[in-house]
């Protein structure tokens, strides 16, 4: 399974308390491929939902909890599931991102 995760910058999280990181570690341990995105990386191009994303490897190691692959644009419909986990504020950028994710889900339904 290809799992996309939209989250705040991973380098700024609290390693000991971040539930998103815990979910990513668990998903990876179950064999899922994880793709990392920040909230500002989502966009629509010609009616298609995309994100600049990178493959990520996560570890339960407080001094070295992640390694990122190269970031590149990818059609969100190539992912099997997307989690969006970000800290407040609930603002126009957050709402826009929900529209982008909705567009991605609609393209999956129509394939």
Protein backbone atom coordinates (compact mmCIF):
# COMPACT_ATOMS: atom_id res chain seq x y z
CA UNK A 1 0.00 0.00 0.00
CA UNK A 2 1.19 3.52 -0.81
CA UNK A 3 0.33 5.81 2.11
CA UNK A 4 0.60 9.58 1.80
CA UNK A 5 0.99 11.66 4.95
CA UNK A 6 0.39 15.41 4.95
CA UNK A 7 1.90 16.80 8.14
CA UNK A 8 3.78 19.70 9.62
CA UNK A 9 7.54 19.73 8.92
CA UNK A 10 8.82 16.43 10.33
CA UNK A 11 12.08 17.97 11.50
CA UNK A 12 10.14 20.19 13.95
CA UNK A 13 7.96 17.55 15.62
CA UNK A 14 8.31 16.38 19.20
CA UNK A 15 9.66 12.87 18.66
CA UNK A 16 8.36 11.53 21.98
CA UNK A 17 4.80 12.85 21.62
CA UNK A 18 3.98 12.92 17.90
CA UNK A 19 1.14 10.53 17.10
CA UNK A 20 1.58 10.98 13.34
CA UNK A 21 5.14 9.67 13.56
CA UNK A 22 3.90 6.71 15.61
CA UNK A 23 1.31 5.89 12.92
CA UNK A 24 3.93 6.18 10.19
CA UNK A 25 6.30 3.82 12.03
CA UNK A 26 3.50 1.30 12.51
CA UNK A 27 2.43 1.49 8.85
CA UNK A 28 6.02 1.07 7.69
CA UNK A 29 6.48 -1.92 10.01
CA UNK A 30 3.44 -3.49 8.31
CA UNK A 31 5.14 -3.11 4.92
CA UNK A 32 3.45 0.03 3.61
CA UNK A 33 5.40 2.56 1.53
CA UNK A 34 5.13 6.05 3.03
CA UNK A 35 5.16 9.36 1.14
CA UNK A 36 5.69 12.59 3.09
CA UNK A 37 4.10 15.94 2.22
CA UNK A 38 3.90 19.27 3.98
CA UNK A 39 0.63 21.25 3.93
CA UNK A 40 2.09 23.84 1.54
CA UNK A 41 3.03 21.20 -1.06
CA UNK A 42 -0.47 20.34 -2.31
CA UNK A 43 -1.67 21.86 -5.59
CA UNK A 44 -4.00 21.41 -8.55
CA UNK A 45 -2.72 21.43 -12.12
CA UNK A 46 -5.15 21.14 -15.05
CA UNK A 47 -7.84 19.77 -12.77
CA UNK A 48 -5.59 17.08 -11.25
CA UNK A 49 -4.51 16.96 -7.59
CA UNK A 50 -0.74 16.80 -7.01
CA UNK A 51 1.79 17.23 -4.26
CA UNK A 52 5.51 17.69 -4.07
CA UNK A 53 6.33 14.65 -1.98
CA UNK A 54 9.17 12.40 -0.96
CA UNK A 55 9.40 8.77 -0.01
CA UNK A 56 10.22 8.64 3.70
CA UNK A 57 11.73 6.06 6.01
CA UNK A 58 10.89 6.50 9.70
CA UNK A 59 12.59 5.04 12.75
CA UNK A 60 11.96 4.84 16.47
CA UNK A 61 15.23 6.66 17.20
CA UNK A 62 15.12 10.06 18.91
CA UNK A 63 18.38 11.22 17.32
CA UNK A 64 17.61 10.04 13.77
CA UNK A 65 13.89 9.42 13.28
CA UNK A 66 13.56 9.92 9.51
CA UNK A 67 15.28 9.86 6.13
CA UNK A 68 13.74 11.55 3.13
CA UNK A 69 14.12 10.60 -0.50
CA UNK A 70 14.14 13.15 -3.28
CA UNK A 71 11.09 15.42 -3.46
CA UNK A 72 9.18 15.44 -6.73
CA UNK A 73 5.64 16.20 -7.92
CA UNK A 74 3.30 13.21 -7.90
CA UNK A 75 -0.36 12.75 -8.79
CA UNK A 76 -2.19 12.13 -5.51
CA UNK A 77 -4.38 9.50 -7.15
CA UNK A 78 -1.31 7.23 -7.30
CA UNK A 79 -1.57 6.83 -3.52
CA UNK A 80 -3.86 4.28 -1.89
CA UNK A 81 -4.65 6.44 1.16
CA UNK A 82 -3.76 9.90 2.46
CA UNK A 83 -3.65 11.04 6.09
CA UNK A 84 -3.76 14.76 6.81
CA UNK A 85 -2.43 15.59 10.26
CA UNK A 86 -1.47 19.16 10.97
CA UNK A 87 -1.53 21.50 13.91
CA UNK A 88 -3.88 24.49 13.96
CA UNK A 89 -4.68 27.05 12.71
CA UNK A 90 -7.84 26.10 10.87
CA UNK A 91 -7.46 28.66 8.08
CA UNK A 92 -7.94 29.11 4.34
CA UNK A 93 -4.82 27.05 3.53
CA UNK A 94 -6.24 24.13 5.53
CA UNK A 95 -9.59 24.40 3.74
CA UNK A 96 -7.86 24.62 0.34
CA UNK A 97 -5.92 21.45 1.16
CA UNK A 98 -9.14 19.60 1.96
CA UNK A 99 -10.41 20.60 -1.51
CA UNK A 100 -7.24 19.27 -3.13
CA UNK A 101 -7.59 16.00 -1.23
CA UNK A 102 -11.25 15.78 -2.18
CA UNK A 103 -10.28 16.21 -5.83
CA UNK A 104 -7.75 13.39 -5.45
CA UNK A 105 -10.40 11.11 -3.99
CA UNK A 106 -12.83 11.92 -6.79
CA UNK A 107 -10.24 11.00 -9.42
CA UNK A 108 -9.81 7.62 -7.70
CA UNK A 109 -13.55 7.00 -7.82
CA UNK A 110 -13.79 7.76 -11.54
CA UNK A 111 -10.86 5.59 -12.68
